[in-house]
Amino acid sequence: NQSAFFDVINWTVIGMILADEMGITADNLDDLMADPAGPEMARLLGVAFEGGEIFDSGLGIRPEFMQDVIRLVGNYGQVYDENVAAVIDLPREGTQNASANDGGLIYAPPWR
């Protein structure tokens, strides 16, 4: 089913961008899973926040799938730096590929 595949890929990319905006990296993932900074971070990581329920994306995959993505490949910025900036010498800073918070065009909608 191409529509389901598209949904999973779309959520994965959005999740990687959101992880970048929140400062979640492969290096600090375990700490943030244990103590997420807020409910949106908890939803993204598939963990409960202050005794609340764990968010289900409805995609038919594990709620904590973004933990695997971040752990294996990193957030958007990490992937960009390792696979674009390092290869063609195009840094994110000052380009459209920077986060919207930093003057670029990359942003993620709320994780819901």
PDB file of N, CA and C in Angstrom:
ATOM      1  N   ASN A   1       0.847  -1.179   0.000  1.00  0.00           N
ATOM      2  CA  ASN A   1       0.000   0.000   0.000  1.00  0.00           C
ATOM      3  C   ASN A   1       0.895   1.245   0.000  1.00  0.00           C
ATOM      4  N   GLN A   2       0.912   1.953  -1.112  1.00  0.00           N
ATOM      5  CA  GLN A   2       1.785   3.125  -1.242  1.00  0.00           C
ATOM      6  C   GLN A   2       1.378   4.257  -0.316  1.00  0.00           C
ATOM      7  N   SER A   3       0.096   4.393  -0.044  1.00  0.00           N
ATOM      8  CA  SER A   3      -0.361   5.464   0.835  1.00  0.00           C
ATOM      9  C   SER A   3       0.167   5.258   2.254  1.00  0.00           C
ATOM     10  N   ALA A   4       0.129   4.036   2.750  1.00  0.00           N
ATOM     11  CA  ALA A   4       0.640   3.744   4.089  1.00  0.00           C
ATOM     12  C   ALA A   4       2.150   3.965   4.140  1.00  0.00           C
ATOM     13  N   PHE A   5       2.854   3.545   3.092  1.00  0.00           N
ATOM     14  CA  PHE A   5       4.302   3.748   3.024  1.00  0.00           C
ATOM     15  C   PHE A   5       4.620   5.242   3.026  1.00  0.00           C
ATOM     16  N   PHE A   6       3.886   6.023   2.242  1.00  0.00           N
ATOM     17  CA  PHE A   6       4.075   7.473   2.206  1.00  0.00           C
ATOM     18  C   PHE A   6       3.874   8.069   3.596  1.00  0.00           C
ATOM     19  N   ASP A   7       2.834   7.634   4.294  1.00  0.00           N
ATOM     20  CA  ASP A   7       2.559   8.158   5.631  1.00  0.00           C
ATOM     21  C   ASP A   7       3.715   7.886   6.590  1.00  0.00           C
ATOM     22  N   VAL A   8       4.254   6.674   6.557  1.00  0.00           N
ATOM     23  CA  VAL A   8       5.367   6.330   7.447  1.00  0.00           C
ATOM     24  C   VAL A   8       6.594   7.181   7.119  1.00  0.00           C
ATOM     25  N   ILE A   9       6.907   7.320   5.840  1.00  0.00           N
ATOM     26  CA  ILE A   9       8.065   8.135   5.440  1.00  0.00           C
ATOM     27  C   ILE A   9       7.850   9.595   5.825  1.00  0.00           C
ATOM     28  N   ASN A  10       6.662  10.122   5.582  1.00  0.00           N
ATOM     29  CA  ASN A  10       6.351  11.512   5.917  1.00  0.00           C
ATOM     30  C   ASN A  10       6.499  11.754   7.419  1.00  0.00           C
ATOM     31  N   TRP A  11       5.931  10.879   8.236  1.00  0.00           N
ATOM     32  CA  TRP A  11       6.044  11.024   9.690  1.00  0.00           C
ATOM     33  C   TRP A  11       7.506  10.915  10.127  1.00  0.00           C
ATOM     34  N   THR A  12       8.273  10.057   9.477  1.00  0.00           N
ATOM     35  CA  THR A  12       9.682   9.898   9.836  1.00  0.00           C
ATOM     36  C   THR A  12      10.462  11.182   9.565  1.00  0.00           C
ATOM     37  N   VAL A  13      10.261  11.767   8.400  1.00  0.00           N
ATOM     38  CA  VAL A  13      10.962  13.016   8.061  1.00  0.00           C
ATOM     39  C   VAL A  13      10.535  14.136   9.007  1.00  0.00           C
ATOM     40  N   ILE A  14       9.241  14.261   9.238  1.00  0.00           N
ATOM     41  CA  ILE A  14       8.750  15.283  10.172  1.00  0.00           C
ATOM     42  C   ILE A  14       9.344  15.050  11.559  1.00  0.00           C
ATOM     43  N   GLY A  15       9.391  13.797  11.987  1.00  0.00           N
ATOM     44  CA  GLY A  15       9.964  13.472  13.291  1.00  0.00           C
ATOM     45  C   GLY A  15      11.433  13.830  13.394  1.00  0.00           C
ATOM     46  N   MET A  16      12.176  13.623  12.312  1.00  0.00           N
ATOM     47  CA  MET A  16      13.599  13.974  12.309  1.00  0.00           C
ATOM     48  C   MET A  16      13.787  15.487  12.400  1.00  0.00           C
ATOM     49  N   ILE A  17      12.935  16.237  11.718  1.00  0.00           N
ATOM     50  CA  ILE A  17      13.003  17.704  11.783  1.00  0.00           C
ATOM     51  C   ILE A  17      12.629  18.174  13.181  1.00  0.00           C
ATOM     52  N   LEU A  18      11.566  17.610  13.734  1.00  0.00           N
ATOM     53  CA  LEU A  18      11.130  17.989  15.075  1.00  0.00           C
ATOM     54  C   LEU A  18      12.202  17.644  16.112  1.00  0.00           C
ATOM     55  N   ALA A  19      12.829  16.495  15.971  1.00  0.00           N
ATOM     56  CA  ALA A  19      13.916  16.125  16.885  1.00  0.00           C
ATOM     57  C   ALA A  19      15.041  17.159  16.811  1.00  0.00           C
ATOM     58  N   ASP A  20      15.349  17.622  15.611  1.00  0.00           N
ATOM     59  CA  ASP A  20      16.374  18.652  15.433  1.00  0.00           C
ATOM     60  C   ASP A  20      15.956  19.936  16.143  1.00  0.00           C
ATOM     61  N   GLU A  21      14.702  20.353  15.967  1.00  0.00           N
ATOM     62  CA  GLU A  21      14.205  21.569  16.617  1.00  0.00           C
ATOM     63  C   GLU A  21      14.259  21.453  18.135  1.00  0.00           C
ATOM     64  N   MET A  22      14.008  20.253  18.659  1.00  0.00           N
ATOM     65  CA  MET A  22      13.980  20.030  20.107  1.00  0.00           C
ATOM     66  C   MET A  22      15.356  19.738  20.693  1.00  0.00           C
ATOM     67  N   GLY A  23      16.348  19.591  19.823  1.00  0.00           N
ATOM     68  CA  GLY A  23      17.691  19.292  20.304  1.00  0.00           C
ATOM     69  C   GLY A  23      17.899  17.836  20.688  1.00  0.00           C
ATOM     70  N   ILE A  24      17.056  16.949  20.176  1.00  0.00           N
ATOM     71  CA  ILE A  24      17.202  15.522  20.459  1.00  0.00           C
ATOM     72  C   ILE A  24      18.203  14.937  19.470  1.00  0.00           C
ATOM     73  N   THR A  25      19.235  14.316  19.986  1.00  0.00           N
ATOM     74  CA  THR A  25      20.254  13.681  19.147  1.00  0.00           C
ATOM     75  C   THR A  25      20.427  12.229  19.584  1.00  0.00           C
ATOM     76  N   ALA A  26      21.176  11.486  18.801  1.00  0.00           N
ATOM     77  CA  ALA A  26      21.482  10.106  19.180  1.00  0.00           C
ATOM     78  C   ALA A  26      22.233  10.078  20.511  1.00  0.00           C
ATOM     79  N   ASP A  27      23.014  11.107  20.787  1.00  0.00           N
ATOM     80  CA  ASP A  27      23.819  11.145  22.010  1.00  0.00           C
ATOM     81  C   ASP A  27      23.004  11.403  23.273  1.00  0.00           C
ATOM     82  N   ASN A  28      21.930  12.207  23.179  1.00  0.00           N
ATOM     83  CA  ASN A  28      21.159  12.524  24.386  1.00  0.00           C
ATOM     84  C   ASN A  28      19.801  11.821  24.420  1.00  0.00           C
ATOM     85  N   LEU A  29      19.556  10.938  23.474  1.00  0.00           N
ATOM     86  CA  LEU A  29      18.260  10.274  23.353  1.00  0.00           C
ATOM     87  C   LEU A  29      17.855   9.537  24.623  1.00  0.00           C
ATOM     88  N   ASP A  30      18.736   8.731  25.187  1.00  0.00           N
ATOM     89  CA  ASP A  30      18.379   7.943  26.368  1.00  0.00           C
ATOM     90  C   ASP A  30      17.970   8.832  27.540  1.00  0.00           C
ATOM     91  N   ASP A  31      18.689   9.925  27.756  1.00  0.00           N
ATOM     92  CA  ASP A  31      18.344  10.841  28.846  1.00  0.00           C
ATOM     93  C   ASP A  31      16.976  11.472  28.619  1.00  0.00           C
ATOM     94  N   LEU A  32      16.684  11.871  27.381  1.00  0.00           N
ATOM     95  CA  LEU A  32      15.410  12.529  27.090  1.00  0.00           C
ATOM     96  C   LEU A  32      14.247  11.542  27.081  1.00  0.00           C
ATOM     97  N   MET A  33      14.503  10.285  26.777  1.00  0.00           N
ATOM     98  CA  MET A  33      13.453   9.271  26.880  1.00  0.00           C
ATOM     99  C   MET A  33      13.054   9.091  28.344  1.00  0.00           C
ATOM    100  N   ALA A  34      14.027   9.124  29.233  1.00  0.00           N
ATOM    101  CA  ALA A  34      13.764   8.942  30.657  1.00  0.00           C
ATOM    102  C   ALA A  34      13.086  10.158  31.273  1.00  0.00           C
ATOM    103  N   ASP A  35      13.363  11.341  30.727  1.00  0.00           N
ATOM    104  CA  ASP A  35      12.818  12.578  31.289  1.00  0.00           C
ATOM    105  C   ASP A  35      12.536  13.577  30.167  1.00  0.00           C
ATOM    106  N   PRO A  36      11.455  13.340  29.385  1.00  0.00           N
ATOM    107  CA  PRO A  36      11.153  14.250  28.270  1.00  0.00           C
ATOM    108  C   PRO A  36      10.823  15.648  28.771  1.00  0.00           C
ATOM    109  N   ALA A  37      11.197  16.657  27.977  1.00  0.00           N
ATOM    110  CA  ALA A  37      11.026  18.057  28.368  1.00  0.00           C
ATOM    111  C   ALA A  37       9.576  18.526  28.320  1.00  0.00           C
ATOM    112  N   GLY A  38       8.698  17.773  27.709  1.00  0.00           N
ATOM    113  CA  GLY A  38       7.300  18.166  27.620  1.00  0.00           C
ATOM    114  C   GLY A  38       6.493  17.104  26.902  1.00  0.00           C
ATOM    115  N   PRO A  39       5.182  17.331  26.810  1.00  0.00           N
ATOM    116  CA  PRO A  39       4.325  16.317  26.192  1.00  0.00           C
ATOM    117  C   PRO A  39       4.616  16.075  24.716  1.00  0.00           C
ATOM    118  N   GLU A  40       5.007  17.113  23.959  1.00  0.00           N
ATOM    119  CA  GLU A  40       5.286  16.886  22.542  1.00  0.00           C
ATOM    120  C   GLU A  40       6.541  16.031  22.364  1.00  0.00           C
ATOM    121  N   MET A  41       7.543  16.261  23.184  1.00  0.00           N
ATOM    122  CA  MET A  41       8.744  15.429  23.114  1.00  0.00           C
ATOM    123  C   MET A  41       8.408  13.985  23.484  1.00  0.00           C
ATOM    124  N   ALA A  42       7.577  13.815  24.500  1.00  0.00           N
ATOM    125  CA  ALA A  42       7.165  12.462  24.897  1.00  0.00           C
ATOM    126  C   ALA A  42       6.416  11.771  23.764  1.00  0.00           C
ATOM    127  N   ARG A  43       5.510  12.488  23.098  1.00  0.00           N
ATOM    128  CA  ARG A  43       4.785  11.903  21.960  1.00  0.00           C
ATOM    129  C   ARG A  43       5.757  11.487  20.866  1.00  0.00           C
ATOM    130  N   LEU A  44       6.703  12.351  20.546  1.00  0.00           N
ATOM    131  CA  LEU A  44       7.679  12.052  19.498  1.00  0.00           C
ATOM    132  C   LEU A  44       8.483  10.797  19.832  1.00  0.00           C
ATOM    133  N   LEU A  45       8.875  10.656  21.087  1.00  0.00           N
ATOM    134  CA  LEU A  45       9.721   9.538  21.490  1.00  0.00           C
ATOM    135  C   LEU A  45       8.924   8.295  21.877  1.00  0.00           C
ATOM    136  N   GLY A  46       7.607   8.402  21.893  1.00  0.00           N
ATOM    137  CA  GLY A  46       6.776   7.247  22.216  1.00  0.00           C
ATOM    138  C   GLY A  46       6.854   6.831  23.669  1.00  0.00           C
ATOM    139  N   VAL A  47       6.991   7.823  24.556  1.00  0.00           N
ATOM    140  CA  VAL A  47       7.031   7.544  25.989  1.00  0.00           C
ATOM    141  C   VAL A  47       5.923   8.335  26.680  1.00  0.00           C
ATOM    142  N   ALA A  48       5.576   7.907  27.887  1.00  0.00           N
ATOM    143  CA  ALA A  48       4.541   8.599  28.652  1.00  0.00           C
ATOM    144  C   ALA A  48       5.127   9.878  29.253  1.00  0.00           C
ATOM    145  N   PHE A  49       4.274  10.879  29.410  1.00  0.00           N
ATOM    146  CA  PHE A  49       4.684  12.126  30.047  1.00  0.00           C
ATOM    147  C   PHE A  49       3.819  12.342  31.271  1.00  0.00           C
ATOM    148  N   GLU A  50       4.455  12.411  32.436  1.00  0.00           N
ATOM    149  CA  GLU A  50       3.764  12.646  33.700  1.00  0.00           C
ATOM    150  C   GLU A  50       2.569  11.719  33.870  1.00  0.00           C
ATOM    151  N   GLY A  51       2.779  10.446  33.602  1.00  0.00           N
ATOM    152  CA  GLY A  51       1.733   9.452  33.815  1.00  0.00           C
ATOM    153  C   GLY A  51       0.671   9.399  32.742  1.00  0.00           C
ATOM    154  N   GLY A  52       0.821  10.183  31.688  1.00  0.00           N
ATOM    155  CA  GLY A  52      -0.163  10.186  30.610  1.00  0.00           C
ATOM    156  C   GLY A  52      -0.020   8.974  29.706  1.00  0.00           C
ATOM    157  N   GLU A  53      -0.888   8.916  28.729  1.00  0.00           N
ATOM    158  CA  GLU A  53      -0.869   7.806  27.788  1.00  0.00           C
ATOM    159  C   GLU A  53       0.233   7.999  26.751  1.00  0.00           C
ATOM    160  N   ILE A  54       0.675   6.889  26.191  1.00  0.00           N
ATOM    161  CA  ILE A  54       1.663   6.916  25.117  1.00  0.00           C
ATOM    162  C   ILE A  54       0.932   7.178  23.810  1.00  0.00           C
ATOM    163  N   PHE A  55       1.436   8.118  23.026  1.00  0.00           N
ATOM    164  CA  PHE A  55       0.828   8.524  21.761  1.00  0.00           C
ATOM    165  C   PHE A  55       0.922   7.408  20.727  1.00  0.00           C
ATOM    166  N   ASP A  56      -0.167   7.157  20.022  1.00  0.00           N
ATOM    167  CA  ASP A  56      -0.191   6.190  18.919  1.00  0.00           C
ATOM    168  C   ASP A  56      -0.463   6.960  17.637  1.00  0.00           C
ATOM    169  N   SER A  57       0.456   6.883  16.695  1.00  0.00           N
ATOM    170  CA  SER A  57       0.329   7.626  15.439  1.00  0.00           C
ATOM    171  C   SER A  57      -0.757   7.077  14.533  1.00  0.00           C
ATOM    172  N   GLY A  58      -1.196   5.845  14.783  1.00  0.00           N
ATOM    173  CA  GLY A  58      -2.181   5.226  13.913  1.00  0.00           C
ATOM    174  C   GLY A  58      -1.573   4.670  12.633  1.00  0.00           C
ATOM    175  N   LEU A  59      -0.245   4.598  12.578  1.00  0.00           N
ATOM    176  CA  LEU A  59       0.441   4.121  11.378  1.00  0.00           C
ATOM    177  C   LEU A  59       0.610   2.606  11.362  1.00  0.00           C
ATOM    178  N   GLY A  60       0.264   1.957  12.462  1.00  0.00           N
ATOM    179  CA  GLY A  60       0.449   0.518  12.543  1.00  0.00           C
ATOM    180  C   GLY A  60       1.872   0.115  12.870  1.00  0.00           C
ATOM    181  N   ILE A  61       2.651   1.042  13.401  1.00  0.00           N
ATOM    182  CA  ILE A  61       4.022   0.748  13.817  1.00  0.00           C
ATOM    183  C   ILE A  61       4.165   1.119  15.291  1.00  0.00           C
ATOM    184  N   ARG A  62       5.248   0.670  15.901  1.00  0.00           N
ATOM    185  CA  ARG A  62       5.448   0.913  17.328  1.00  0.00           C
ATOM    186  C   ARG A  62       5.450   2.417  17.648  1.00  0.00           C
ATOM    187  N   PRO A  63       4.846   2.820  18.761  1.00  0.00           N
ATOM    188  CA  PRO A  63       4.844   4.246  19.129  1.00  0.00           C
ATOM    189  C   PRO A  63       6.244   4.829  19.289  1.00  0.00           C
ATOM    190  N   GLU A  64       7.208   4.008  19.650  1.00  0.00           N
ATOM    191  CA  GLU A  64       8.571   4.491  19.879  1.00  0.00           C
ATOM    192  C   GLU A  64       9.456   4.377  18.642  1.00  0.00           C
ATOM    193  N   PHE A  65       8.859   4.288  17.444  1.00  0.00           N
ATOM    194  CA  PHE A  65       9.659   4.116  16.225  1.00  0.00           C
ATOM    195  C   PHE A  65      10.666   5.246  16.009  1.00  0.00           C
ATOM    196  N   MET A  66      10.355   6.458  16.453  1.00  0.00           N
ATOM    197  CA  MET A  66      11.303   7.560  16.254  1.00  0.00           C
ATOM    198  C   MET A  66      12.559   7.394  17.107  1.00  0.00           C
ATOM    199  N   GLN A  67      12.476   6.660  18.201  1.00  0.00           N
ATOM    200  CA  GLN A  67      13.688   6.360  18.967  1.00  0.00           C
ATOM    201  C   GLN A  67      14.683   5.622  18.080  1.00  0.00           C
ATOM    202  N   ASP A  68      14.174   4.646  17.329  1.00  0.00           N
ATOM    203  CA  ASP A  68      15.039   3.865  16.445  1.00  0.00           C
ATOM    204  C   ASP A  68      15.654   4.745  15.358  1.00  0.00           C
ATOM    205  N   VAL A  69      14.838   5.613  14.775  1.00  0.00           N
ATOM    206  CA  VAL A  69      15.324   6.495  13.705  1.00  0.00           C
ATOM    207  C   VAL A  69      16.436   7.398  14.233  1.00  0.00           C
ATOM    208  N   ILE A  70      16.178   8.045  15.358  1.00  0.00           N
ATOM    209  CA  ILE A  70      17.158   8.980  15.920  1.00  0.00           C
ATOM    210  C   ILE A  70      18.426   8.239  16.336  1.00  0.00           C
ATOM    211  N   ARG A  71      18.265   7.086  16.945  1.00  0.00           N
ATOM    212  CA  ARG A  71      19.428   6.321  17.399  1.00  0.00           C
ATOM    213  C   ARG A  71      20.292   5.855  16.217  1.00  0.00           C
ATOM    214  N   LEU A  72      19.651   5.447  15.123  1.00  0.00           N
ATOM    215  CA  LEU A  72      20.385   4.874  13.994  1.00  0.00           C
ATOM    216  C   LEU A  72      20.940   5.912  13.020  1.00  0.00           C
ATOM    217  N   VAL A  73      20.178   6.984  12.739  1.00  0.00           N
ATOM    218  CA  VAL A  73      20.643   7.956  11.740  1.00  0.00           C
ATOM    219  C   VAL A  73      20.727   9.378  12.264  1.00  0.00           C
ATOM    220  N   GLY A  74      20.087   9.667  13.400  1.00  0.00           N
ATOM    221  CA  GLY A  74      20.138  11.002  13.969  1.00  0.00           C
ATOM    222  C   GLY A  74      18.939  11.851  13.592  1.00  0.00           C
ATOM    223  N   ASN A  75      18.978  13.107  14.001  1.00  0.00           N
ATOM    224  CA  ASN A  75      17.914  14.050  13.648  1.00  0.00           C
ATOM    225  C   ASN A  75      18.221  14.663  12.276  1.00  0.00           C
ATOM    226  N   TYR A  76      17.355  15.546  11.807  1.00  0.00           N
ATOM    227  CA  TYR A  76      17.536  16.139  10.477  1.00  0.00           C
ATOM    228  C   TYR A  76      18.898  16.821  10.336  1.00  0.00           C
ATOM    229  N   GLY A  77      19.275  17.591  11.328  1.00  0.00           N
ATOM    230  CA  GLY A  77      20.545  18.308  11.265  1.00  0.00           C
ATOM    231  C   GLY A  77      21.737  17.374  11.203  1.00  0.00           C
ATOM    232  N   GLN A  78      21.691  16.302  11.980  1.00  0.00           N
ATOM    233  CA  GLN A  78      22.789  15.343  11.961  1.00  0.00           C
ATOM    234  C   GLN A  78      22.900  14.665  10.597  1.00  0.00           C
ATOM    235  N   VAL A  79      21.769  14.269  10.037  1.00  0.00           N
ATOM    236  CA  VAL A  79      21.769  13.624   8.721  1.00  0.00           C
ATOM    237  C   VAL A  79      22.266  14.601   7.663  1.00  0.00           C
ATOM    238  N   TYR A  80      21.796  15.848   7.728  1.00  0.00           N
ATOM    239  CA  TYR A  80      22.231  16.861   6.763  1.00  0.00           C
ATOM    240  C   TYR A  80      23.741  17.080   6.856  1.00  0.00           C
ATOM    241  N   ASP A  81      24.219  17.289   8.068  1.00  0.00           N
ATOM    242  CA  ASP A  81      25.646  17.573   8.253  1.00  0.00           C
ATOM    243  C   ASP A  81      26.529  16.427   7.762  1.00  0.00           C
ATOM    244  N   GLU A  82      26.107  15.193   8.005  1.00  0.00           N
ATOM    245  CA  GLU A  82      26.926  14.036   7.642  1.00  0.00           C
ATOM    246  C   GLU A  82      26.808  13.653   6.170  1.00  0.00           C
ATOM    247  N   ASN A  83      25.679  13.979   5.535  1.00  0.00           N
ATOM    248  CA  ASN A  83      25.439  13.482   4.180  1.00  0.00           C
ATOM    249  C   ASN A  83      25.341  14.556   3.108  1.00  0.00           C
ATOM    250  N   VAL A  84      25.180  15.797   3.501  1.00  0.00           N
ATOM    251  CA  VAL A  84      25.123  16.882   2.519  1.00  0.00           C
ATOM    252  C   VAL A  84      26.298  17.829   2.747  1.00  0.00           C
ATOM    253  N   ALA A  85      26.341  18.423   3.914  1.00  0.00           N
ATOM    254  CA  ALA A  85      27.391  19.408   4.195  1.00  0.00           C
ATOM    255  C   ALA A  85      28.782  18.810   4.046  1.00  0.00           C
ATOM    256  N   ALA A  86      28.957  17.588   4.500  1.00  0.00           N
ATOM    257  CA  ALA A  86      30.276  16.957   4.434  1.00  0.00           C
ATOM    258  C   ALA A  86      30.655  16.548   3.014  1.00  0.00           C
ATOM    259  N   VAL A  87      29.666  16.294   2.168  1.00  0.00           N
ATOM    260  CA  VAL A  87      29.938  15.795   0.814  1.00  0.00           C
ATOM    261  C   VAL A  87      30.100  16.929  -0.189  1.00  0.00           C
ATOM    262  N   ILE A  88      29.209  17.924  -0.136  1.00  0.00           N
ATOM    263  CA  ILE A  88      29.278  19.007  -1.130  1.00  0.00           C
ATOM    264  C   ILE A  88      29.596  20.361  -0.509  1.00  0.00           C
ATOM    265  N   ASP A  89      30.017  20.345   0.751  1.00  0.00           N
ATOM    266  CA  ASP A  89      30.414  21.569   1.442  1.00  0.00           C
ATOM    267  C   ASP A  89      29.323  22.637   1.385  1.00  0.00           C
ATOM    268  N   LEU A  90      28.108  22.248   1.772  1.00  0.00           N
ATOM    269  CA  LEU A  90      26.976  23.173   1.826  1.00  0.00           C
ATOM    270  C   LEU A  90      26.413  23.164   3.244  1.00  0.00           C
ATOM    271  N   PRO A  91      26.926  24.040   4.109  1.00  0.00           N
ATOM    272  CA  PRO A  91      26.439  24.067   5.488  1.00  0.00           C
ATOM    273  C   PRO A  91      24.996  24.549   5.555  1.00  0.00           C
ATOM    274  N   ARG A  92      24.318  24.201   6.625  1.00  0.00           N
ATOM    275  CA  ARG A  92      22.923  24.621   6.813  1.00  0.00           C
ATOM    276  C   ARG A  92      22.815  26.100   7.173  1.00  0.00           C
ATOM    277  N   GLU A  93      23.743  26.577   7.980  1.00  0.00           N
ATOM    278  CA  GLU A  93      23.673  27.948   8.479  1.00  0.00           C
ATOM    279  C   GLU A  93      23.580  28.934   7.325  1.00  0.00           C
ATOM    280  N   GLY A  94      22.588  29.803   7.395  1.00  0.00           N
ATOM    281  CA  GLY A  94      22.430  30.846   6.393  1.00  0.00           C
ATOM    282  C   GLY A  94      21.807  30.382   5.088  1.00  0.00           C
ATOM    283  N   THR A  95      21.315  29.150   5.048  1.00  0.00           N
ATOM    284  CA  THR A  95      20.672  28.643   3.832  1.00  0.00           C
ATOM    285  C   THR A  95      19.219  28.292   4.123  1.00  0.00           C
ATOM    286  N   GLN A  96      18.487  27.967   3.086  1.00  0.00           N
ATOM    287  CA  GLN A  96      17.097  27.550   3.245  1.00  0.00           C
ATOM    288  C   GLN A  96      16.986  26.230   3.995  1.00  0.00           C
ATOM    289  N   ASN A  97      18.066  25.475   4.072  1.00  0.00           N
ATOM    290  CA  ASN A  97      18.060  24.191   4.764  1.00  0.00           C
ATOM    291  C   ASN A  97      18.182  24.322   6.275  1.00  0.00           C
ATOM    292  N   ALA A  98      18.355  25.522   6.768  1.00  0.00           N
ATOM    293  CA  ALA A  98      18.403  25.747   8.208  1.00  0.00           C
ATOM    294  C   ALA A  98      16.994  25.648   8.781  1.00  0.00           C
ATOM    295  N   SER A  99      16.929  25.415  10.060  1.00  0.00           N
ATOM    296  CA  SER A  99      15.650  25.396  10.761  1.00  0.00           C
ATOM    297  C   SER A  99      14.973  26.763  10.631  1.00  0.00           C
ATOM    298  N   ALA A 100      13.662  26.772  10.603  1.00  0.00           N
ATOM    299  CA  ALA A 100      12.923  28.037  10.557  1.00  0.00           C
ATOM    300  C   ALA A 100      13.281  28.901  11.765  1.00  0.00           C
ATOM    301  N   ASN A 101      13.622  28.269  12.881  1.00  0.00           N
ATOM    302  CA  ASN A 101      14.045  29.011  14.073  1.00  0.00           C
ATOM    303  C   ASN A 101      15.354  29.758  13.844  1.00  0.00           C
ATOM    304  N   ASP A 102      16.112  29.310  12.833  1.00  0.00           N
ATOM    305  CA  ASP A 102      17.409  29.922  12.521  1.00  0.00           C
ATOM    306  C   ASP A 102      17.402  30.647  11.182  1.00  0.00           C
ATOM    307  N   GLY A 103      16.206  31.003  10.673  1.00  0.00           N
ATOM    308  CA  GLY A 103      16.108  31.763   9.437  1.00  0.00           C
ATOM    309  C   GLY A 103      15.960  30.942   8.173  1.00  0.00           C
ATOM    310  N   GLY A 104      15.888  29.629   8.296  1.00  0.00           N
ATOM    311  CA  GLY A 104      15.712  28.761   7.132  1.00  0.00           C
ATOM    312  C   GLY A 104      14.249  28.436   6.884  1.00  0.00           C
ATOM    313  N   LEU A 105      14.023  27.451   6.047  1.00  0.00           N
ATOM    314  CA  LEU A 105      12.660  27.062   5.677  1.00  0.00           C
ATOM    315  C   LEU A 105      12.231  25.719   6.256  1.00  0.00           C
ATOM    316  N   ILE A 106      13.081  25.069   7.013  1.00  0.00           N
ATOM    317  CA  ILE A 106      12.783  23.730   7.521  1.00  0.00           C
ATOM    318  C   ILE A 106      12.054  23.844   8.862  1.00  0.00           C
ATOM    319  N   TYR A 107      10.849  23.296   8.915  1.00  0.00           N
ATOM    320  CA  TYR A 107      10.082  23.282  10.164  1.00  0.00           C
ATOM    321  C   TYR A 107       9.192  22.048  10.177  1.00  0.00           C
ATOM    322  N   ALA A 108       8.762  21.684  11.351  1.00  0.00           N
ATOM    323  CA  ALA A 108       7.882  20.530  11.504  1.00  0.00           C
ATOM    324  C   ALA A 108       6.567  20.971  12.128  1.00  0.00           C
ATOM    325  N   PRO A 109       5.455  20.429  11.637  1.00  0.00           N
ATOM    326  CA  PRO A 109       4.176  20.690  12.297  1.00  0.00           C
ATOM    327  C   PRO A 109       4.135  19.951  13.634  1.00  0.00           C
ATOM    328  N   PRO A 110       3.164  20.268  14.483  1.00  0.00           N
ATOM    329  CA  PRO A 110       3.055  19.560  15.765  1.00  0.00           C
ATOM    330  C   PRO A 110       2.921  18.048  15.552  1.00  0.00           C
ATOM    331  N   TRP A 111       3.467  17.282  16.471  1.00  0.00           N
ATOM    332  CA  TRP A 111       3.454  15.816  16.391  1.00  0.00           C
ATOM    333  C   TRP A 111       2.147  15.305  16.985  1.00  0.00           C
ATOM    334  N   ARG A 112       1.120  15.198  16.135  1.00  0.00           N
ATOM    335  CA  ARG A 112      -0.204  14.730  16.590  1.00  0.00           C
ATOM    336  C   ARG A 112      -0.813  13.821  15.575  1.00  0.00           C
TER     337      ARG A 112
END
